[in-house]
Protein backbone atom coordinates (compact mmCIF):
# COMPACT_ATOMS: atom_id res chain seq x y z
CA MET A 1 135.57 59.07 240.75
CA THR A 2 133.71 56.65 242.66
CA GLU A 3 134.95 55.16 246.37
CA ALA A 4 133.26 52.28 248.37
CA THR A 5 131.74 52.63 251.61
CA GLY A 6 133.63 54.76 254.76
CA ASP A 7 134.98 57.86 255.10
CA ALA A 8 138.50 58.19 255.44
CA ARG A 9 138.25 62.02 256.08
CA SER A 10 137.42 60.82 259.37
CA ALA A 11 140.95 59.83 259.94
CA SER A 12 141.86 63.73 259.22
CA VAL A 13 144.24 65.40 261.83
CA GLU A 14 144.08 69.02 261.95
CA GLY A 15 147.12 70.58 260.51
CA ASP A 16 148.60 68.08 258.13
CA GLY A 17 145.96 67.82 255.50
CA GLY A 18 145.31 64.35 256.47
CA ARG A 19 146.12 61.14 258.55
CA ARG A 20 150.00 60.64 259.25
CA ALA A 21 151.42 57.92 260.37
CA GLY A 22 152.91 59.45 263.34
CA ARG A 23 157.09 59.74 262.53
CA ALA A 24 157.79 60.89 266.15
CA GLU A 25 156.29 57.93 267.47
CA GLN A 26 157.60 55.34 265.12
CA PRO A 27 160.96 57.26 263.73
CA VAL A 28 163.29 55.81 261.18
CA ASP A 29 166.05 53.60 262.94
CA ARG A 30 169.36 56.02 262.48
CA HIS A 31 172.72 54.51 262.92
CA LEU A 32 174.37 57.53 264.14
CA PRO A 33 178.45 57.35 265.06
CA THR A 34 178.39 59.80 268.20
CA GLN A 35 176.20 60.48 271.19
CA GLU A 36 176.31 64.25 270.06
CA ALA A 37 174.79 62.82 266.16
CA ARG A 38 172.19 60.95 268.79
CA ASP A 39 171.38 64.14 270.68
CA LEU A 40 171.43 66.44 267.37
CA LEU A 41 168.82 64.52 265.83
CA ALA A 42 166.71 64.15 268.92
CA LEU A 43 166.76 68.48 268.63
CA VAL A 44 165.64 67.92 264.97
CA ARG A 45 162.83 65.80 265.53
CA ASP A 46 161.46 67.94 268.36
CA VAL A 47 161.78 71.19 265.90
CA VAL A 48 159.98 69.23 263.30
CA ARG A 49 157.38 68.06 265.74
CA ARG A 50 156.73 71.47 266.75
CA GLU A 51 157.23 73.96 264.20
CA ILE A 52 157.28 72.49 260.84
CA ARG A 53 154.85 69.68 260.64
CA PRO A 54 151.96 71.16 262.05
CA ASN A 55 151.30 73.65 259.07
CA ALA A 56 153.37 72.58 256.28
CA ALA A 57 149.83 71.42 254.28
CA GLN A 58 148.55 74.72 255.27
CA GLU A 59 151.61 76.80 254.34
CA GLU A 60 152.24 74.82 251.33
CA ASP A 61 149.05 75.48 249.87
CA ALA A 62 148.96 78.97 250.61
CA GLY A 63 152.67 79.64 248.68
CA HIS A 64 153.84 80.86 252.42
CA PHE A 65 157.92 80.44 252.70
CA PRO A 66 158.51 79.98 256.41
CA ARG A 67 161.26 82.31 256.87
CA ASP A 68 160.92 82.03 260.77
CA VAL A 69 161.65 78.32 260.01
CA PHE A 70 165.03 78.97 258.80
CA THR A 71 165.57 81.83 261.45
CA LEU A 72 165.23 79.25 264.15
CA LEU A 73 166.76 76.12 262.27
CA SER A 74 170.11 78.94 262.28
CA ALA A 75 169.56 79.79 265.51
CA SER A 76 170.11 76.35 266.92
CA GLY A 77 173.09 75.75 264.48
CA LEU A 78 171.34 73.45 261.94
CA LEU A 79 172.18 75.58 258.87
CA GLY A 80 175.77 74.82 259.26
CA LEU A 81 176.18 71.55 260.22
CA PRO A 82 178.75 70.19 258.02
CA TYR A 83 180.87 72.78 258.19
CA ASP A 84 183.86 74.23 260.45
CA SER A 85 183.19 74.97 264.15
CA GLU A 86 185.88 77.78 263.87
CA TYR A 87 183.56 79.67 261.41
CA GLY A 88 180.33 78.89 263.37
CA GLY A 89 179.58 75.11 261.73
CA GLY A 90 178.82 72.17 263.60
CA GLU A 91 181.33 70.24 262.04
CA GLN A 92 179.08 67.26 261.62
CA PRO A 93 180.22 64.57 258.97
CA TYR A 94 178.38 64.94 256.03
CA GLU A 95 176.90 61.01 256.73
CA VAL A 96 175.10 62.66 259.70
CA TYR A 97 174.03 66.00 257.89
CA LEU A 98 172.23 64.02 255.35
CA GLN A 99 170.55 62.55 257.79
CA VAL A 100 169.15 65.58 259.54
CA LEU A 101 167.92 66.53 255.94
CA GLU A 102 165.81 63.53 255.57
CA GLU A 103 163.88 64.27 258.52
CA LEU A 104 163.15 67.64 257.57
CA ALA A 105 162.64 67.15 254.09
CA ALA A 106 160.04 64.08 255.36
CA ALA A 107 158.33 67.11 257.41
CA ARG A 108 158.23 69.29 254.72
CA LEU A 109 160.38 69.27 251.50
CA THR A 110 160.54 73.06 251.22
CA VAL A 111 162.59 73.19 254.77
CA GLY A 112 164.73 70.16 253.98
CA LEU A 113 165.75 71.37 250.17
CA GLY A 114 166.20 75.13 251.60
CA VAL A 115 168.59 73.70 253.88
CA SER A 116 170.41 71.91 251.23
CA VAL A 117 170.42 74.73 248.78
CA HIS A 118 171.74 77.26 251.80
CA SER A 119 174.55 74.64 252.13
CA LEU A 120 175.11 74.51 248.30
CA ALA A 121 175.42 78.09 248.54
CA CYS A 122 177.88 78.27 251.41
CA HIS A 123 180.21 75.36 249.91
CA ALA A 124 182.36 77.66 247.40
CA LEU A 125 183.33 80.04 250.01
CA ALA A 126 184.18 77.18 252.92
CA ALA A 127 185.93 75.27 250.41
CA PHE A 128 187.66 77.48 248.40
CA GLY A 129 187.80 80.99 249.92
CA GLY A 130 190.93 82.71 251.74
CA LYS A 131 191.10 82.35 255.10
CA GLU A 132 190.04 85.98 255.64
CA GLN A 133 187.05 86.10 253.76
CA ARG A 134 186.10 83.10 255.39
CA ALA A 135 186.42 84.74 258.85
CA GLU A 136 184.42 87.70 257.30
CA HIS A 137 181.83 86.11 255.99
CA LEU A 138 181.29 82.68 257.39
CA PRO A 139 180.07 82.99 260.54
CA ASP A 140 176.90 84.97 259.71
CA MET A 141 176.28 82.37 256.64
CA LEU A 142 176.41 79.77 258.96
CA GLY A 143 174.73 81.13 262.52
CA GLY A 144 173.77 84.33 261.70
CA GLY A 145 170.40 84.05 260.21
CA LEU A 146 171.25 84.82 256.79
CA LEU A 147 170.06 82.48 254.16
CA GLY A 148 171.92 81.73 250.80
CA ALA A 149 171.13 81.08 247.26
CA TYR A 150 173.24 79.27 244.67
CA CYS A 151 173.13 80.78 241.13
CA LEU A 152 174.70 78.67 238.35
CA SER A 153 171.77 78.44 235.73
CA GLU A 154 170.95 80.24 233.03
CA PRO A 155 167.83 80.71 230.79
CA GLY A 156 170.13 79.25 227.97
CA ALA A 157 172.58 77.21 230.33
CA GLY A 158 170.66 74.48 232.19
CA SER A 159 172.03 70.96 231.66
CA ASP A 160 175.28 72.60 229.66
CA ALA A 161 176.02 74.80 232.64
CA ALA A 162 179.46 75.59 231.02
CA SER A 163 177.48 77.69 227.93
CA LEU A 164 176.60 80.81 230.67
CA ARG A 165 176.93 83.69 229.45
CA THR A 166 176.65 85.94 232.97
CA SER A 167 179.94 88.30 232.58
CA ALA A 168 182.17 89.81 235.19
CA VAL A 169 184.15 92.86 234.03
CA ARG A 170 186.63 93.86 236.13
CA ASP A 171 186.48 97.82 236.74
CA GLY A 172 189.29 99.12 238.91
CA GLY A 173 189.35 96.96 242.05
CA ASP A 174 185.84 95.51 241.49
CA TRP A 175 184.05 93.16 239.22
CA VAL A 176 180.72 94.94 237.44
CA LEU A 177 178.08 91.71 236.83
CA ASN A 178 175.72 91.55 234.17
CA GLY A 179 173.52 88.90 232.83
CA THR A 180 170.52 86.63 234.54
CA LYS A 181 170.17 83.43 236.23
CA ALA A 182 167.23 81.18 235.91
CA TRP A 183 165.57 78.60 238.62
CA ILE A 184 167.15 80.07 241.82
CA THR A 185 165.46 78.88 244.58
CA HIS A 186 165.35 81.24 247.15
CA GLY A 187 165.28 83.98 244.86
CA GLY A 188 164.48 87.35 245.39
CA ILE A 189 164.35 86.39 249.30
CA ALA A 190 168.35 85.45 249.55
CA ASP A 191 170.48 87.50 251.87
CA PHE A 192 173.68 86.10 249.85
CA TYR A 193 174.05 84.67 246.21
CA THR A 194 177.01 82.66 244.89
CA VAL A 195 177.13 83.73 241.33
CA LEU A 196 179.18 81.84 238.93
CA ALA A 197 179.73 84.53 236.03
CA ARG A 198 182.26 84.55 232.66
CA THR A 199 185.39 86.83 233.20
CA SER A 200 187.08 85.16 230.13
CA GLY A 201 187.08 82.50 227.53
CA GLU A 202 184.49 79.86 226.30
CA GLY A 203 182.94 76.79 227.90
CA ALA A 204 184.22 75.64 231.09
CA HIS A 205 187.21 77.72 230.68
CA GLY A 206 187.13 81.43 232.29
CA ILE A 207 184.30 80.96 234.75
CA THR A 208 184.78 82.75 238.32
CA ALA A 209 182.59 82.33 241.28
CA PHE A 210 181.55 85.72 243.37
CA LEU A 211 179.72 86.26 246.85
CA VAL A 212 176.94 88.94 246.05
CA PRO A 213 175.18 90.59 248.45
CA GLY A 214 171.49 90.34 248.36
CA ASP A 215 171.00 93.97 248.56
CA ALA A 216 173.51 94.78 246.01
CA PRO A 217 172.62 97.65 243.93
CA GLY A 218 171.39 96.40 240.28
CA LEU A 219 170.46 92.67 241.72
CA SER A 220 166.57 92.10 241.50
CA ALA A 221 164.61 88.83 241.13
CA ALA A 222 161.47 88.49 238.69
CA ALA A 223 158.48 86.92 239.88
CA PRO A 224 158.52 83.67 241.33
CA GLU A 225 157.87 80.49 238.98
CA ARG A 226 154.40 79.37 238.84
CA LYS A 227 155.43 75.41 239.98
CA MET A 228 153.18 72.39 239.99
CA GLY A 229 154.55 71.59 243.73
CA MET A 230 157.21 73.08 246.37
CA LYS A 231 154.91 76.33 246.09
CA GLY A 232 156.15 77.51 249.46
CA SER A 233 159.98 77.69 248.05
CA PRO A 234 160.03 80.27 245.86
CA THR A 235 162.19 79.93 242.53
CA ALA A 236 162.58 82.66 240.19
CA GLN A 237 165.44 84.63 237.91
CA VAL A 238 167.98 86.72 239.00
CA HIS A 239 169.19 89.25 237.16
CA LEU A 240 172.49 91.16 237.31
CA ASP A 241 172.50 94.68 235.85
CA GLY A 242 175.75 96.16 236.39
CA VAL A 243 176.26 94.63 240.09
CA ARG A 244 179.52 96.10 241.74
CA VAL A 245 181.15 93.38 243.57
CA PRO A 246 184.97 93.89 245.05
CA ASP A 247 187.83 91.93 244.31
CA ALA A 248 187.24 90.85 248.14
CA ARG A 249 184.39 88.75 247.03
CA ARG A 250 185.53 86.84 244.15
CA ILE A 251 185.74 83.03 245.37
CA GLY A 252 189.02 81.22 244.53
CA ASP A 253 190.99 82.16 241.24
CA GLU A 254 190.14 83.79 238.38
CA GLY A 255 188.78 80.86 235.93
CA GLN A 256 188.69 78.38 238.65
CA GLY A 257 184.19 78.69 238.85
CA PHE A 258 183.47 75.90 237.10
CA THR A 259 185.37 73.43 238.92
CA ILE A 260 184.38 75.06 242.28
CA ALA A 261 180.54 74.47 240.85
CA LEU A 262 181.44 70.91 239.98
CA SER A 263 182.37 70.48 243.48
CA ALA A 264 179.44 72.02 244.83
CA LEU A 265 177.38 70.07 243.24
CA ASP A 266 179.02 66.80 243.94
CA SER A 267 178.00 67.48 247.48
CA GLY A 268 174.28 69.15 246.88
CA ARG A 269 173.52 65.84 244.87
CA LEU A 270 173.50 64.20 248.00
CA GLY A 271 171.50 66.81 249.78
CA ILE A 272 168.89 66.36 246.99
CA ALA A 273 169.22 62.49 247.36
CA ALA A 274 168.48 62.77 251.16
CA CYS A 275 165.69 65.08 250.51
CA ALA A 276 164.15 62.77 248.00
CA VAL A 277 164.34 59.55 250.80
CA GLY A 278 162.83 61.66 253.00
CA LEU A 279 159.80 62.50 251.32
CA ALA A 280 159.63 59.09 249.85
CA GLN A 281 159.33 57.71 253.74
CA ALA A 282 157.31 60.29 254.31
CA ALA A 283 154.49 58.67 251.41
CA LEU A 284 155.38 55.35 253.04
CA ASP A 285 154.46 56.33 256.45
CA GLU A 286 150.98 57.90 254.95
CA ALA A 287 150.16 54.74 252.63
CA MET A 288 150.91 52.25 255.69
CA ALA A 289 148.60 54.01 257.96
CA TYR A 290 146.00 54.41 255.59
CA ALA A 291 146.01 50.99 254.86
CA LEU A 292 145.60 49.78 258.19
CA ASP A 293 142.86 52.14 258.89
CA ARG A 294 140.66 51.54 255.69
CA ARG A 295 138.68 48.47 255.75
CA GLN A 296 137.12 46.91 252.66
CA PHE A 297 135.13 43.20 252.36
CA GLY A 298 135.34 43.25 256.14
CA ARG A 299 139.10 43.62 257.08
CA PRO A 300 141.90 46.44 256.73
CA ILE A 301 143.30 47.03 253.18
CA ALA A 302 146.68 45.91 254.54
CA ASP A 303 145.19 42.60 254.80
CA PHE A 304 145.22 41.99 250.77
CA GLN A 305 148.83 40.56 249.21
CA GLY A 306 149.02 42.46 246.32
CA LEU A 307 148.48 45.68 248.53
CA ARG A 308 151.46 43.89 251.30
CA PHE A 309 153.68 43.55 248.27
CA LEU A 310 153.34 46.70 247.07
CA LEU A 311 154.42 48.07 250.40
CA ALA A 312 157.25 45.91 250.99
CA ASP A 313 158.80 47.19 247.37
CA MET A 314 158.21 50.76 248.56
CA ALA A 315 159.95 49.82 251.92
CA THR A 316 162.88 47.78 250.06
CA ALA A 317 163.72 51.28 247.42
CA ILE A 318 163.88 53.76 250.20
CA GLU A 319 166.35 51.25 251.96
CA ALA A 320 168.34 50.85 249.57
CA GLY A 321 168.14 54.68 248.35
CA ARG A 322 169.25 55.44 252.26
CA ALA A 323 172.17 53.05 252.15
CA LEU A 324 173.37 54.19 248.72
CA TYR A 325 173.41 58.11 250.15
CA LEU A 326 174.95 57.15 253.22
CA SER A 327 177.85 55.13 251.64
CA ALA A 328 178.43 58.31 249.23
CA ALA A 329 178.72 60.31 252.32
CA ARG A 330 181.09 58.31 254.20
CA LEU A 331 183.24 58.11 251.19
CA ARG A 332 183.13 62.12 251.09
CA ASP A 333 183.64 61.97 254.90
CA ALA A 334 186.88 59.81 254.42
CA GLY A 335 188.32 62.37 252.21
CA LYS A 336 187.89 60.08 249.14
CA PRO A 337 186.38 60.50 245.39
CA PHE A 338 182.42 60.35 245.66
CA SER A 339 181.28 61.87 242.49
CA ARG A 340 180.20 58.87 240.81
CA GLN A 341 178.66 57.88 243.82
CA ALA A 342 176.86 60.97 244.29
CA ALA A 343 175.41 61.02 240.75
CA MET A 344 174.01 57.47 241.66
CA ALA A 345 171.94 58.67 245.08
CA LYS A 346 170.70 61.41 243.38
CA LEU A 347 169.90 59.44 240.51
CA LEU A 348 168.43 56.15 242.35
CA CYS A 349 166.86 58.48 245.44
CA THR A 350 164.87 60.60 243.36
CA ASP A 351 163.72 57.95 241.00
CA THR A 352 162.51 55.83 243.94
CA ALA A 353 160.45 59.20 245.38
CA MET A 354 158.95 59.89 242.20
CA ARG A 355 157.87 55.88 242.39
CA VAL A 356 157.14 55.33 246.13
CA THR A 357 154.88 58.66 246.14
CA THR A 358 152.79 57.56 243.01
CA ASP A 359 152.26 53.88 244.52
CA ALA A 360 150.89 55.80 247.73
CA VAL A 361 148.51 57.77 245.81
CA GLN A 362 147.42 54.78 244.87
CA VAL A 363 147.06 52.89 248.01
CA LEU A 364 144.86 55.70 249.10
CA GLY A 365 142.72 55.28 246.02
CA GLY A 366 140.12 58.21 245.29
CA TYR A 367 141.26 60.00 248.38
CA GLY A 368 145.13 59.93 247.65
CA TYR A 369 143.86 62.42 244.39
CA THR A 370 142.24 64.79 246.99
CA ALA A 371 144.27 67.13 249.02
CA ASP A 372 142.54 66.26 252.04
CA PHE A 373 145.74 63.31 252.48
CA PRO A 374 149.27 64.52 251.84
CA VAL A 375 149.96 62.07 249.07
CA GLU A 376 149.05 64.30 246.35
CA ARG A 377 151.52 66.71 247.33
CA TYR A 378 154.29 64.29 247.51
CA LEU A 379 153.80 63.06 244.06
CA ARG A 380 153.67 66.70 242.84
CA GLU A 381 157.00 67.69 244.89
CA ALA A 382 158.92 64.27 243.85
CA LYS A 383 158.79 65.03 240.26
CA MET A 384 160.66 68.36 240.83
CA LEU A 385 163.75 66.34 242.86
CA GLN A 386 164.29 64.10 239.60
CA ILE A 387 165.17 67.83 237.50
CA VAL A 388 167.16 69.63 240.33
CA GLU A 389 170.78 69.45 240.38
CA GLY A 390 171.46 68.16 237.29
CA THR A 391 168.52 66.05 235.36
CA ASN A 392 168.36 62.63 236.41
CA GLN A 393 169.62 62.07 232.41
CA ILE A 394 172.61 63.84 233.18
CA GLN A 395 173.51 61.98 236.21
CA ARG A 396 173.46 59.08 233.94
CA VAL A 397 175.92 61.01 231.64
CA VAL A 398 178.33 61.59 234.41
CA ILE A 399 178.11 58.01 235.95
CA ALA A 400 178.68 56.71 232.69
CA ARG A 401 181.93 59.30 232.04
CA HIS A 402 183.10 57.83 235.34
CA LEU A 403 182.83 53.82 233.96
CA VAL A 404 183.72 54.25 230.28
CA GLY A 405 185.08 57.63 229.74
CA PRO A 406 183.72 60.76 227.76
CA GLU A 407 182.10 60.51 224.80
CA SER A 408 184.11 60.64 221.52
CA GLY A 409 182.41 63.11 219.69
């Protein structure tokens, strides 16, 4: 690669692998419904500034999972924001919770996505568990320093989640679980796993949800997957070899598991959408800072119309994605159906993150392709968001079914 004169590396700041636009100084304008929510976001930005952003680049490069950050988030009440205060949650509307996720993901996607996955793992018990179950387990899950994982996918059951083969067989007052789950975020380090297993039948019928302790005998994890991005977030297969779970840890009714799974995924897709917007916003901030600082032909490259239009398109796409995920969140908060809008938000926001991070690398030119600036990491991370919580092809299937009904085949 060749590059015109001028050393952009001189703009780097220690701790972030490259020059940052300064989100703390120019934060995204938020429209929050209460003073409590505004105070909450101020707390999140303070945690981001002090605890997350300074070490993000180095820790991702080293593949370090920031468990200490999640412990801090739990102690600060930030791991249970959308859940009932009766059980230790923050009782915040999804509209607020998702904006918190966006802020966390903009600082480090491993953290934002990790909070979203933890919330997904809590959803089954919070929404479908019995009152005694919730009282026994949720306080520790939401604010006791625990970290959760969600186990639906398997080596042979990804997009076709209803074909899962992990089994749960009754043995007296217990269930015995056998099988392998795949692509599990926090696999091997989680303190609890929400596991979907087959108790009878075929297809979507006969699937049941269980709350499995992370230290249960017979539960183990394979070595983490070697991924192109998100190296600080462990993703691994989870093996269940005769794992014994008491019936008191069955969530919901027998055979209700697939309904529980779909309900969780609707909310989880909004979490991924918010994370994608945060990542895209971080990439735009970096691109704008570079364009204002980098000089060619005697002036900042931000003066050139071609680049100005590119930045304008990036910003417009981000605002559209943010508006869509917030609109879906408000439907959820109002108790209205939001499955179609959640799929749309996940689709649009993650495709936007892929496009914006690609354009950010282009704005930085040769430097964008180096690890001296974070945009190359953002690009690698964005690709993953188009895959998790249902690929974007599956989101299109979901949306089309809402529009014109199921396929005739």
